[in-house]
Amino acid sequence: CGWTDVHLQDDGHLYGKPPKEHYYSPNVPSYLSDLNAMHEAEKVLTDD
């Protein structure tokens, strides 16, 4: 979905750089438990 440098921190949180941003965020979406996050992810899919 365009995040970069996503990694698991020692505190158990995922950190990474959101699309088109240059800062790190601890707000990597919880795709496996959040329907809204998956809705956003589905938007990156091509028609095929």
All heavy atoms as atom14 arrays in JSON, in Angstrom:
{
  "sequence": "CGWTDVHLQDDGHLYGKPPKEHYYSPNVPSYLSDLNAMHEAEKVLTDD",
  "atom14_mask": [
    [1, 1, 1, 1, 1, 1, 0, 0, 0, 0, 0, 0, 0, 0],
    [1, 1, 1, 1, 0, 0, 0, 0, 0, 0, 0, 0, 0, 0],
    [1, 1, 1, 1, 1, 1, 1, 1, 1, 1, 1, 1, 1, 1],
    [1, 1, 1, 1, 1, 1, 1, 0, 0, 0, 0, 0, 0, 0],
    [1, 1, 1, 1, 1, 1, 1, 1, 0, 0, 0, 0, 0, 0],
    [1, 1, 1, 1, 1, 1, 1, 0, 0, 0, 0, 0, 0, 0],
    [1, 1, 1, 1, 1, 1, 1, 1, 1, 1, 0, 0, 0, 0],
    [1, 1, 1, 1, 1, 1, 1, 1, 0, 0, 0, 0, 0, 0],
    [1, 1, 1, 1, 1, 1, 1, 1, 1, 0, 0, 0, 0, 0],
    [1, 1, 1, 1, 1, 1, 1, 1, 0, 0, 0, 0, 0, 0],
    [1, 1, 1, 1, 1, 1, 1, 1, 0, 0, 0, 0, 0, 0],
    [1, 1, 1, 1, 0, 0, 0, 0, 0, 0, 0, 0, 0, 0],
    [1, 1, 1, 1, 1, 1, 1, 1, 1, 1, 0, 0, 0, 0],
    [1, 1, 1, 1, 1, 1, 1, 1, 0, 0, 0, 0, 0, 0],
    [1, 1, 1, 1, 1, 1, 1, 1, 1, 1, 1, 1, 0, 0],
    [1, 1, 1, 1, 0, 0, 0, 0, 0, 0, 0, 0, 0, 0],
    [1, 1, 1, 1, 1, 1, 1, 1, 1, 0, 0, 0, 0, 0],
    [1, 1, 1, 1, 1, 1, 1, 0, 0, 0, 0, 0, 0, 0],
    [1, 1, 1, 1, 1, 1, 1, 0, 0, 0, 0, 0, 0, 0],
    [1, 1, 1, 1, 1, 1, 1, 1, 1, 0, 0, 0, 0, 0],
    [1, 1, 1, 1, 1, 1, 1, 1, 1, 0, 0, 0, 0, 0],
    [1, 1, 1, 1, 1, 1, 1, 1, 1, 1, 0, 0, 0, 0],
    [1, 1, 1, 1, 1, 1, 1, 1, 1, 1, 1, 1, 0, 0],
    [1, 1, 1, 1, 1, 1, 1, 1, 1, 1, 1, 1, 0, 0],
    [1, 1, 1, 1, 1, 1, 0, 0, 0, 0, 0, 0, 0, 0],
    [1, 1, 1, 1, 1, 1, 1, 0, 0, 0, 0, 0, 0, 0],
    [1, 1, 1, 1, 1, 1, 1, 1, 0, 0, 0, 0, 0, 0],
    [1, 1, 1, 1, 1, 1, 1, 0, 0, 0, 0, 0, 0, 0],
    [1, 1, 1, 1, 1, 1, 1, 0, 0, 0, 0, 0, 0, 0],
    [1, 1, 1, 1, 1, 1, 0, 0, 0, 0, 0, 0, 0, 0],
    [1, 1, 1, 1, 1, 1, 1, 1, 1, 1, 1, 1, 0, 0],
    [1, 1, 1, 1, 1, 1, 1, 1, 0, 0, 0, 0, 0, 0],
    [1, 1, 1, 1, 1, 1, 0, 0, 0, 0, 0, 0, 0, 0],
    [1, 1, 1, 1, 1, 1, 1, 1, 0, 0, 0, 0, 0, 0],
    [1, 1, 1, 1, 1, 1, 1, 1, 0, 0, 0, 0, 0, 0],
    [1, 1, 1, 1, 1, 1, 1, 1, 0, 0, 0, 0, 0, 0],
    [1, 1, 1, 1, 1, 0, 0, 0, 0, 0, 0, 0, 0, 0],
    [1, 1, 1, 1, 1, 1, 1, 1, 0, 0, 0, 0, 0, 0],
    [1, 1, 1, 1, 1, 1, 1, 1, 1, 1, 0, 0, 0, 0],
    [1, 1, 1, 1, 1, 1, 1, 1, 1, 0, 0, 0, 0, 0],
    [1, 1, 1, 1, 1, 0, 0, 0, 0, 0, 0, 0, 0, 0],
    [1, 1, 1, 1, 1, 1, 1, 1, 1, 0, 0, 0, 0, 0],
    [1, 1, 1, 1, 1, 1, 1, 1, 1, 0, 0, 0, 0, 0],
    [1, 1, 1, 1, 1, 1, 1, 0, 0, 0, 0, 0, 0, 0],
    [1, 1, 1, 1, 1, 1, 1, 1, 0, 0, 0, 0, 0, 0],
    [1, 1, 1, 1, 1, 1, 1, 0, 0, 0, 0, 0, 0, 0],
    [1, 1, 1, 1, 1, 1, 1, 1, 0, 0, 0, 0, 0, 0],
    [1, 1, 1, 1, 1, 1, 1, 1, 0, 0, 0, 0, 0, 0]
  ],
  "atom14_positions": [
    [[0.81, -1.22, 0.0], [0.0, 0.0, 0.0], [0.84, 1.27, 0.0], [0.31, 2.38, 0.12], [-0.93, 0.0, 1.21], [-2.19, -1.29, 1.11], [0.0, 0.0, 0.0], [0.0, 0.0, 0.0], [0.0, 0.0, 0.0], [0.0, 0.0, 0.0], [0.0, 0.0, 0.0], [0.0, 0.0, 0.0], [0.0, 0.0, 0.0], [0.0, 0.0, 0.0]],
    [[2.16, 1.13, -0.12], [3.02, 2.3, -0.24], [3.81, 2.69, 0.99], [4.58, 3.64, 0.95], [0.0, 0.0, 0.0], [0.0, 0.0, 0.0], [0.0, 0.0, 0.0], [0.0, 0.0, 0.0], [0.0, 0.0, 0.0], [0.0, 0.0, 0.0], [0.0, 0.0, 0.0], [0.0, 0.0, 0.0], [0.0, 0.0, 0.0], [0.0, 0.0, 0.0]],
    [[3.61, 1.99, 2.11], [4.42, 2.27, 3.29], [5.84, 1.79, 3.02], [6.06, 0.83, 2.27], [3.87, 1.52, 4.5], [2.63, 2.1, 5.1], [1.38, 2.07, 4.57], [2.54, 2.8, 6.34], [0.5, 2.71, 5.41], [1.19, 3.17, 6.5], [3.46, 3.14, 7.32], [0.73, 3.86, 7.61], [3.0, 3.83, 8.43], [1.66, 4.19, 8.57]],
    [[6.82, 2.46, 3.61], [8.21, 2.05, 3.46], [8.86, 1.88, 4.83], [8.39, 2.43, 5.83], [9.02, 3.08, 2.65], [8.92, 4.36, 3.27], [8.5, 3.16, 1.22], [0.0, 0.0, 0.0], [0.0, 0.0, 0.0], [0.0, 0.0, 0.0], [0.0, 0.0, 0.0], [0.0, 0.0, 0.0], [0.0, 0.0, 0.0], [0.0, 0.0, 0.0]],
    [[9.92, 1.1, 4.84], [10.72, 0.87, 6.05], [9.84, 0.46, 7.24], [10.01, 0.93, 8.36], [11.55, 2.1, 6.39], [12.7, 1.78, 7.34], [13.09, 0.59, 7.43], [13.19, 2.7, 8.02], [0.0, 0.0, 0.0], [0.0, 0.0, 0.0], [0.0, 0.0, 0.0], [0.0, 0.0, 0.0], [0.0, 0.0, 0.0], [0.0, 0.0, 0.0]],
    [[8.91, -0.44, 7.0], [8.02, -0.92, 8.06], [8.74, -2.02, 8.83], [9.31, -2.94, 8.25], [6.7, -1.46, 7.47], [5.76, -1.9, 8.58], [6.04, -0.42, 6.59], [0.0, 0.0, 0.0], [0.0, 0.0, 0.0], [0.0, 0.0, 0.0], [0.0, 0.0, 0.0], [0.0, 0.0, 0.0], [0.0, 0.0, 0.0], [0.0, 0.0, 0.0]],
    [[8.73, -1.88, 10.15], [9.43, -2.86, 10.98], [8.77, -2.96, 12.35], [8.1, -2.04, 12.8], [10.91, -2.5, 11.11], [11.14, -1.13, 11.66], [11.06, 0.0, 10.88], [11.43, -0.7, 12.91], [11.3, 1.07, 11.64], [11.52, 0.67, 12.87], [0.0, 0.0, 0.0], [0.0, 0.0, 0.0], [0.0, 0.0, 0.0], [0.0, 0.0, 0.0]],
    [[9.0, -4.08, 12.99], [8.46, -4.34, 14.32], [9.46, -3.83, 15.36], [10.63, -4.2, 15.35], [8.22, -5.85, 14.5], [7.55, -6.3, 15.77], [6.15, -5.73, 15.9], [7.5, -7.83, 15.82], [0.0, 0.0, 0.0], [0.0, 0.0, 0.0], [0.0, 0.0, 0.0], [0.0, 0.0, 0.0], [0.0, 0.0, 0.0], [0.0, 0.0, 0.0]],
    [[9.0, -2.98, 16.23], [9.83, -2.44, 17.3], [9.84, -3.4, 18.49], [9.0, -4.28, 18.61], [9.28, -1.08, 17.77], [9.4, 0.01, 16.74], [10.8, 0.52, 16.6], [11.55, 0.07, 15.75], [11.17, 1.46, 17.43], [0.0, 0.0, 0.0], [0.0, 0.0, 0.0], [0.0, 0.0, 0.0], [0.0, 0.0, 0.0], [0.0, 0.0, 0.0]],
    [[10.79, -3.2, 19.39], [10.88, -4.02, 20.6], [9.63, -3.92, 21.46], [9.3, -4.84, 22.2], [12.11, -3.63, 21.43], [13.41, -4.0, 20.73], [13.38, -4.93, 19.89], [14.44, -3.38, 21.03], [0.0, 0.0, 0.0], [0.0, 0.0, 0.0], [0.0, 0.0, 0.0], [0.0, 0.0, 0.0], [0.0, 0.0, 0.0], [0.0, 0.0, 0.0]],
    [[8.92, -2.79, 21.34], [7.71, -2.61, 22.15], [6.5, -3.34, 21.55], [5.4, -3.26, 22.08], [7.4, -1.13, 22.35], [7.07, -0.4, 21.05], [6.99, -1.03, 19.98], [6.9, 0.84, 21.12], [0.0, 0.0, 0.0], [0.0, 0.0, 0.0], [0.0, 0.0, 0.0], [0.0, 0.0, 0.0], [0.0, 0.0, 0.0], [0.0, 0.0, 0.0]],
    [[6.7, -4.03, 20.42], [5.63, -4.79, 19.8], [4.8, -4.02, 18.79], [3.89, -4.58, 18.19], [0.0, 0.0, 0.0], [0.0, 0.0, 0.0], [0.0, 0.0, 0.0], [0.0, 0.0, 0.0], [0.0, 0.0, 0.0], [0.0, 0.0, 0.0], [0.0, 0.0, 0.0], [0.0, 0.0, 0.0], [0.0, 0.0, 0.0], [0.0, 0.0, 0.0]],
    [[5.09, -2.74, 18.59], [4.36, -1.92, 17.63], [5.07, -1.92, 16.28], [6.31, -2.0, 16.22], [4.23, -0.48, 18.12], [3.3, -0.34, 19.27], [3.73, -0.41, 20.58], [1.97, -0.15, 19.32], [2.69, -0.25, 21.38], [1.61, -0.09, 20.64], [0.0, 0.0, 0.0], [0.0, 0.0, 0.0], [0.0, 0.0, 0.0], [0.0, 0.0, 0.0]],
    [[4.29, -1.79, 15.23], [4.87, -1.63, 13.9], [5.06, -0.15, 13.61], [4.15, 0.66, 13.85], [3.95, -2.23, 12.83], [3.87, -3.74, 12.76], [2.92, -4.16, 11.65], [5.23, -4.35, 12.52], [0.0, 0.0, 0.0], [0.0, 0.0, 0.0], [0.0, 0.0, 0.0], [0.0, 0.0, 0.0], [0.0, 0.0, 0.0], [0.0, 0.0, 0.0]],
    [[6.22, 0.19, 13.12], [6.54, 1.56, 12.74], [6.9, 1.56, 11.26], [7.42, 0.59, 10.74], [7.72, 2.1, 13.54], [7.37, 2.46, 14.96], [7.26, 1.48, 15.94], [7.14, 3.78, 15.32], [6.93, 1.81, 17.24], [6.81, 4.12, 16.62], [6.71, 3.13, 17.57], [6.38, 3.46, 18.86], [0.0, 0.0, 0.0], [0.0, 0.0, 0.0]],
    [[6.66, 2.67, 10.61], [7.05, 2.79, 9.23], [6.74, 4.18, 8.72], [6.16, 5.01, 9.43], [0.0, 0.0, 0.0], [0.0, 0.0, 0.0], [0.0, 0.0, 0.0], [0.0, 0.0, 0.0], [0.0, 0.0, 0.0], [0.0, 0.0, 0.0], [0.0, 0.0, 0.0], [0.0, 0.0, 0.0], [0.0, 0.0, 0.0], [0.0, 0.0, 0.0]],
    [[7.12, 4.41, 7.47], [6.85, 5.7, 6.83], [5.6, 5.55, 5.97], [5.57, 4.73, 5.05], [8.04, 6.12, 5.97], [9.28, 6.44, 6.76], [10.42, 6.84, 5.84], [11.69, 7.07, 6.62], [12.81, 7.39, 5.72], [0.0, 0.0, 0.0], [0.0, 0.0, 0.0], [0.0, 0.0, 0.0], [0.0, 0.0, 0.0], [0.0, 0.0, 0.0]],
    [[4.57, 6.33, 6.27], [3.35, 6.28, 5.45], [3.64, 6.71, 4.01], [4.63, 7.39, 3.75], [2.42, 7.29, 6.12], [2.97, 7.51, 7.48], [4.44, 7.29, 7.37], [0.0, 0.0, 0.0], [0.0, 0.0, 0.0], [0.0, 0.0, 0.0], [0.0, 0.0, 0.0], [0.0, 0.0, 0.0], [0.0, 0.0, 0.0], [0.0, 0.0, 0.0]],
    [[2.75, 6.34, 3.09], [2.96, 6.75, 1.69], [3.13, 8.26, 1.57], [2.41, 9.03, 2.21], [1.66, 6.3, 1.0], [1.12, 5.21, 1.87], [1.54, 5.55, 3.27], [0.0, 0.0, 0.0], [0.0, 0.0, 0.0], [0.0, 0.0, 0.0], [0.0, 0.0, 0.0], [0.0, 0.0, 0.0], [0.0, 0.0, 0.0], [0.0, 0.0, 0.0]],
    [[4.1, 8.66, 0.79], [4.38, 10.07, 0.48], [4.78, 10.9, 1.69], [4.67, 12.12, 1.67], [3.17, 10.71, -0.22], [2.78, 10.01, -1.49], [1.56, 10.63, -2.11], [1.13, 9.84, -3.32], [-0.11, 10.33, -3.89], [0.0, 0.0, 0.0], [0.0, 0.0, 0.0], [0.0, 0.0, 0.0], [0.0, 0.0, 0.0], [0.0, 0.0, 0.0]],
    [[5.23, 10.27, 2.75], [5.67, 10.99, 3.96], [7.14, 10.68, 4.23], [7.66, 9.68, 3.77], [4.82, 10.63, 5.17], [3.35, 10.94, 5.02], [3.04, 12.43, 4.92], [3.9, 13.26, 5.24], [1.92, 12.76, 4.5], [0.0, 0.0, 0.0], [0.0, 0.0, 0.0], [0.0, 0.0, 0.0], [0.0, 0.0, 0.0], [0.0, 0.0, 0.0]],
    [[7.78, 11.54, 5.01], [9.2, 11.35, 5.33], [9.42, 11.13, 6.81], [10.54, 11.2, 7.29], [10.01, 12.55, 4.84], [9.92, 12.76, 3.37], [10.52, 11.94, 2.47], [9.24, 13.68, 2.64], [10.26, 12.34, 1.24], [9.47, 13.4, 1.32], [0.0, 0.0, 0.0], [0.0, 0.0, 0.0], [0.0, 0.0, 0.0], [0.0, 0.0, 0.0]],
    [[8.37, 10.89, 7.54], [8.47, 10.68, 8.99], [7.99, 9.27, 9.33], [7.25, 8.65, 8.57], [7.61, 11.71, 9.74], [6.14, 11.61, 9.43], [5.3, 10.75, 10.14], [5.59, 12.36, 8.4], [3.95, 10.65, 9.83], [4.24, 12.28, 8.1], [3.43, 11.41, 8.81], [2.1, 11.3, 8.5], [0.0, 0.0, 0.0], [0.0, 0.0, 0.0]],
    [[8.44, 8.78, 10.46], [7.99, 7.48, 10.93], [6.71, 7.63, 11.72], [6.51, 8.62, 12.42], [9.06, 6.82, 11.82], [10.16, 6.2, 11.02], [11.3, 6.92, 10.7], [10.06, 4.89, 10.56], [12.32, 6.36, 9.96], [11.07, 4.32, 9.81], [12.2, 5.05, 9.52], [13.2, 4.49, 8.78], [0.0, 0.0, 0.0], [0.0, 0.0, 0.0]],
    [[5.87, 6.63, 11.61], [4.6, 6.63, 12.32], [4.38, 5.28, 12.99], [4.69, 4.24, 12.41], [3.45, 6.9, 11.34], [2.21, 6.71, 11.98], [0.0, 0.0, 0.0], [0.0, 0.0, 0.0], [0.0, 0.0, 0.0], [0.0, 0.0, 0.0], [0.0, 0.0, 0.0], [0.0, 0.0, 0.0], [0.0, 0.0, 0.0], [0.0, 0.0, 0.0]],
    [[3.83, 5.28, 14.2], [3.48, 4.02, 14.86], [2.07, 3.57, 14.46], [1.53, 2.64, 15.04], [3.53, 4.38, 16.34], [3.09, 5.8, 16.37], [3.65, 6.41, 15.1], [0.0, 0.0, 0.0], [0.0, 0.0, 0.0], [0.0, 0.0, 0.0], [0.0, 0.0, 0.0], [0.0, 0.0, 0.0], [0.0, 0.0, 0.0], [0.0, 0.0, 0.0]],
    [[1.48, 4.22, 13.46], [0.1, 3.96, 13.08], [-0.04, 3.12, 11.83], [-0.9, 3.39, 10.98], [-0.65, 5.29, 12.91], [-0.69, 6.08, 14.2], [-0.87, 5.51, 15.26], [-0.5, 7.38, 14.1], [0.0, 0.0, 0.0], [0.0, 0.0, 0.0], [0.0, 0.0, 0.0], [0.0, 0.0, 0.0], [0.0, 0.0, 0.0], [0.0, 0.0, 0.0]],
    [[0.79, 2.08, 11.7], [0.64, 1.16, 10.59], [-0.72, 0.49, 10.76], [-1.03, -0.02, 11.84], [1.77, 0.11, 10.57], [1.55, -0.9, 9.45], [3.13, 0.8, 10.43], [0.0, 0.0, 0.0], [0.0, 0.0, 0.0], [0.0, 0.0, 0.0], [0.0, 0.0, 0.0], [0.0, 0.0, 0.0], [0.0, 0.0, 0.0], [0.0, 0.0, 0.0]],
    [[-1.56, 0.52, 9.74], [-2.91, -0.03, 9.89], [-2.92, -1.49, 10.33], [-2.05, -2.28, 9.98], [-3.5, 0.12, 8.48], [-2.76, 1.25, 7.88], [-1.36, 1.12, 8.41], [0.0, 0.0, 0.0], [0.0, 0.0, 0.0], [0.0, 0.0, 0.0], [0.0, 0.0, 0.0], [0.0, 0.0, 0.0], [0.0, 0.0, 0.0], [0.0, 0.0, 0.0]],
    [[-3.95, -1.83, 11.07], [-4.16, -3.21, 11.54], [-5.02, -3.95, 10.51], [-6.19, -4.24, 10.76], [-4.83, -3.21, 12.92], [-4.02, -2.59, 13.86], [0.0, 0.0, 0.0], [0.0, 0.0, 0.0], [0.0, 0.0, 0.0], [0.0, 0.0, 0.0], [0.0, 0.0, 0.0], [0.0, 0.0, 0.0], [0.0, 0.0, 0.0], [0.0, 0.0, 0.0]],
    [[-4.41, -4.25, 9.38], [-5.15, -4.82, 8.26], [-5.91, -6.09, 8.62], [-6.99, -6.32, 8.08], [-4.2, -5.1, 7.1], [-3.55, -3.86, 6.55], [-2.22, -3.57, 6.82], [-4.26, -2.97, 5.76], [-1.61, -2.43, 6.32], [-3.67, -1.82, 5.25], [-2.35, -1.56, 5.55], [-1.76, -0.42, 5.05], [0.0, 0.0, 0.0], [0.0, 0.0, 0.0]],
    [[-5.39, -6.9, 9.51], [-6.02, -8.18, 9.82], [-7.22, -8.06, 10.73], [-7.97, -9.03, 10.9], [-4.98, -9.13, 10.44], [-3.9, -9.51, 9.44], [-2.53, -9.25, 9.98], [-4.08, -10.92, 9.0], [0.0, 0.0, 0.0], [0.0, 0.0, 0.0], [0.0, 0.0, 0.0], [0.0, 0.0, 0.0], [0.0, 0.0, 0.0], [0.0, 0.0, 0.0]],
    [[-7.44, -6.89, 11.31], [-8.57, -6.75, 12.23], [-9.42, -5.51, 11.96], [-10.4, -5.28, 12.67], [-8.07, -6.71, 13.68], [-7.22, -5.61, 13.88], [0.0, 0.0, 0.0], [0.0, 0.0, 0.0], [0.0, 0.0, 0.0], [0.0, 0.0, 0.0], [0.0, 0.0, 0.0], [0.0, 0.0, 0.0], [0.0, 0.0, 0.0], [0.0, 0.0, 0.0]],
    [[-9.08, -4.74, 10.96], [-9.77, -3.48, 10.71], [-10.32, -3.44, 9.28], [-9.57, -3.32, 8.31], [-8.78, -2.33, 10.94], [-9.4, -0.95, 10.82], [-10.52, -0.82, 10.29], [-8.74, 0.01, 11.25], [0.0, 0.0, 0.0], [0.0, 0.0, 0.0], [0.0, 0.0, 0.0], [0.0, 0.0, 0.0], [0.0, 0.0, 0.0], [0.0, 0.0, 0.0]],
    [[-11.64, -3.53, 9.16], [-12.26, -3.5, 7.83], [-11.99, -2.2, 7.1], [-11.83, -2.2, 5.87], [-13.77, -3.72, 7.95], [-14.23, -5.16, 8.11], [-15.72, -5.22, 8.45], [-13.95, -5.96, 6.86], [0.0, 0.0, 0.0], [0.0, 0.0, 0.0], [0.0, 0.0, 0.0], [0.0, 0.0, 0.0], [0.0, 0.0, 0.0], [0.0, 0.0, 0.0]],
    [[-11.91, -1.1, 7.82], [-11.61, 0.19, 7.17], [-10.21, 0.18, 6.57], [-10.0, 0.7, 5.47], [-11.76, 1.34, 8.16], [-13.2, 1.59, 8.52], [-14.09, 1.47, 7.69], [-13.44, 1.92, 9.77], [0.0, 0.0, 0.0], [0.0, 0.0, 0.0], [0.0, 0.0, 0.0], [0.0, 0.0, 0.0], [0.0, 0.0, 0.0], [0.0, 0.0, 0.0]],
    [[-9.26, -0.42, 7.27], [-7.9, -0.51, 6.75], [-7.87, -1.37, 5.48], [-7.2, -1.03, 4.5], [-6.96, -1.08, 7.81], [0.0, 0.0, 0.0], [0.0, 0.0, 0.0], [0.0, 0.0, 0.0], [0.0, 0.0, 0.0], [0.0, 0.0, 0.0], [0.0, 0.0, 0.0], [0.0, 0.0, 0.0], [0.0, 0.0, 0.0], [0.0, 0.0, 0.0]],
    [[-8.62, -2.48, 5.5], [-8.65, -3.32, 4.31], [-9.37, -2.63, 3.15], [-8.99, -2.8, 2.0], [-9.29, -4.68, 4.62], [-8.35, -5.65, 5.27], [-6.73, -5.82, 4.44], [-7.19, -6.25, 2.77], [0.0, 0.0, 0.0], [0.0, 0.0, 0.0], [0.0, 0.0, 0.0], [0.0, 0.0, 0.0], [0.0, 0.0, 0.0], [0.0, 0.0, 0.0]],
    [[-10.36, -1.83, 3.45], [-11.03, -1.07, 2.4], [-10.03, -0.15, 1.71], [-10.01, -0.04, 0.47], [-12.2, -0.27, 2.98], [-12.88, 0.6, 1.99], [-13.65, 0.1, 0.96], [-12.9, 1.94, 1.84], [-14.1, 1.1, 0.23], [-13.67, 2.23, 0.74], [0.0, 0.0, 0.0], [0.0, 0.0, 0.0], [0.0, 0.0, 0.0], [0.0, 0.0, 0.0]],
    [[-9.19, 0.51, 2.48], [-8.15, 1.37, 1.9], [-7.15, 0.55, 1.11], [-6.71, 0.97, 0.03], [-7.45, 2.19, 3.0], [-8.34, 3.24, 3.62], [-8.87, 4.25, 2.61], [-8.09, 4.76, 1.8], [-10.09, 4.51, 2.64], [0.0, 0.0, 0.0], [0.0, 0.0, 0.0], [0.0, 0.0, 0.0], [0.0, 0.0, 0.0], [0.0, 0.0, 0.0]],
    [[-6.77, -0.62, 1.61], [-5.82, -1.48, 0.91], [-6.39, -1.93, -0.43], [-5.68, -1.97, -1.44], [-5.45, -2.69, 1.77], [0.0, 0.0, 0.0], [0.0, 0.0, 0.0], [0.0, 0.0, 0.0], [0.0, 0.0, 0.0], [0.0, 0.0, 0.0], [0.0, 0.0, 0.0], [0.0, 0.0, 0.0], [0.0, 0.0, 0.0], [0.0, 0.0, 0.0]],
    [[-7.67, -2.26, -0.46], [-8.31, -2.72, -1.69], [-8.22, -1.66, -2.8], [-8.21, -2.01, -3.98], [-9.77, -3.08, -1.42], [-9.93, -4.32, -0.56], [-11.31, -4.48, 0.04], [-12.12, -3.52, 0.01], [-11.59, -5.57, 0.56], [0.0, 0.0, 0.0], [0.0, 0.0, 0.0], [0.0, 0.0, 0.0], [0.0, 0.0, 0.0], [0.0, 0.0, 0.0]],
    [[-8.12, -0.42, -2.44], [-8.06, 0.66, -3.42], [-6.77, 0.64, -4.26], [-6.73, 1.26, -5.32], [-8.19, 2.02, -2.74], [-9.57, 2.27, -2.17], [-9.63, 3.61, -1.46], [-10.98, 3.88, -0.85], [-11.02, 5.18, -0.14], [0.0, 0.0, 0.0], [0.0, 0.0, 0.0], [0.0, 0.0, 0.0], [0.0, 0.0, 0.0], [0.0, 0.0, 0.0]],
    [[-5.73, -0.05, -3.8], [-4.49, -0.1, -4.58], [-4.52, -1.17, -5.67], [-3.64, -1.2, -6.52], [-3.23, -0.31, -3.69], [-3.17, 0.73, -2.58], [-3.15, -1.71, -3.15], [0.0, 0.0, 0.0], [0.0, 0.0, 0.0], [0.0, 0.0, 0.0], [0.0, 0.0, 0.0], [0.0, 0.0, 0.0], [0.0, 0.0, 0.0], [0.0, 0.0, 0.0]],
    [[-5.53, -2.03, -5.64], [-5.62, -3.11, -6.62], [-6.07, -2.58, -7.98], [-6.96, -1.74, -8.07], [-6.6, -4.18, -6.14], [-6.22, -4.9, -4.84], [-7.35, -5.82, -4.4], [-4.92, -5.67, -4.99], [0.0, 0.0, 0.0], [0.0, 0.0, 0.0], [0.0, 0.0, 0.0], [0.0, 0.0, 0.0], [0.0, 0.0, 0.0], [0.0, 0.0, 0.0]],
    [[-5.45, -3.1, -9.03], [-5.86, -2.78, -10.39], [-7.15, -3.53, -10.7], [-7.57, -4.42, -9.94], [-4.79, -3.19, -11.41], [-4.68, -4.63, -11.39], [-3.44, -2.55, -11.11], [0.0, 0.0, 0.0], [0.0, 0.0, 0.0], [0.0, 0.0, 0.0], [0.0, 0.0, 0.0], [0.0, 0.0, 0.0], [0.0, 0.0, 0.0], [0.0, 0.0, 0.0]],
    [[-7.77, -3.25, -11.83], [-8.99, -3.96, -12.22], [-8.75, -5.46, -12.33], [-9.56, -6.26, -11.86], [-9.55, -3.41, -13.53], [-10.16, -2.03, -13.38], [-10.47, -1.63, -12.24], [-10.34, -1.35, -14.41], [0.0, 0.0, 0.0], [0.0, 0.0, 0.0], [0.0, 0.0, 0.0], [0.0, 0.0, 0.0], [0.0, 0.0, 0.0], [0.0, 0.0, 0.0]],
    [[-7.63, -5.85, -12.95], [-7.32, -7.28, -13.07], [-7.08, -7.91, -11.69], [-7.51, -9.03, -11.45], [-6.08, -7.5, -13.95], [-6.37, -7.24, -15.42], [-7.56, -7.27, -15.82], [-5.41, -7.0, -16.17], [0.0, 0.0, 0.0], [0.0, 0.0, 0.0], [0.0, 0.0, 0.0], [0.0, 0.0, 0.0], [0.0, 0.0, 0.0], [0.0, 0.0, 0.0]]
  ]
}
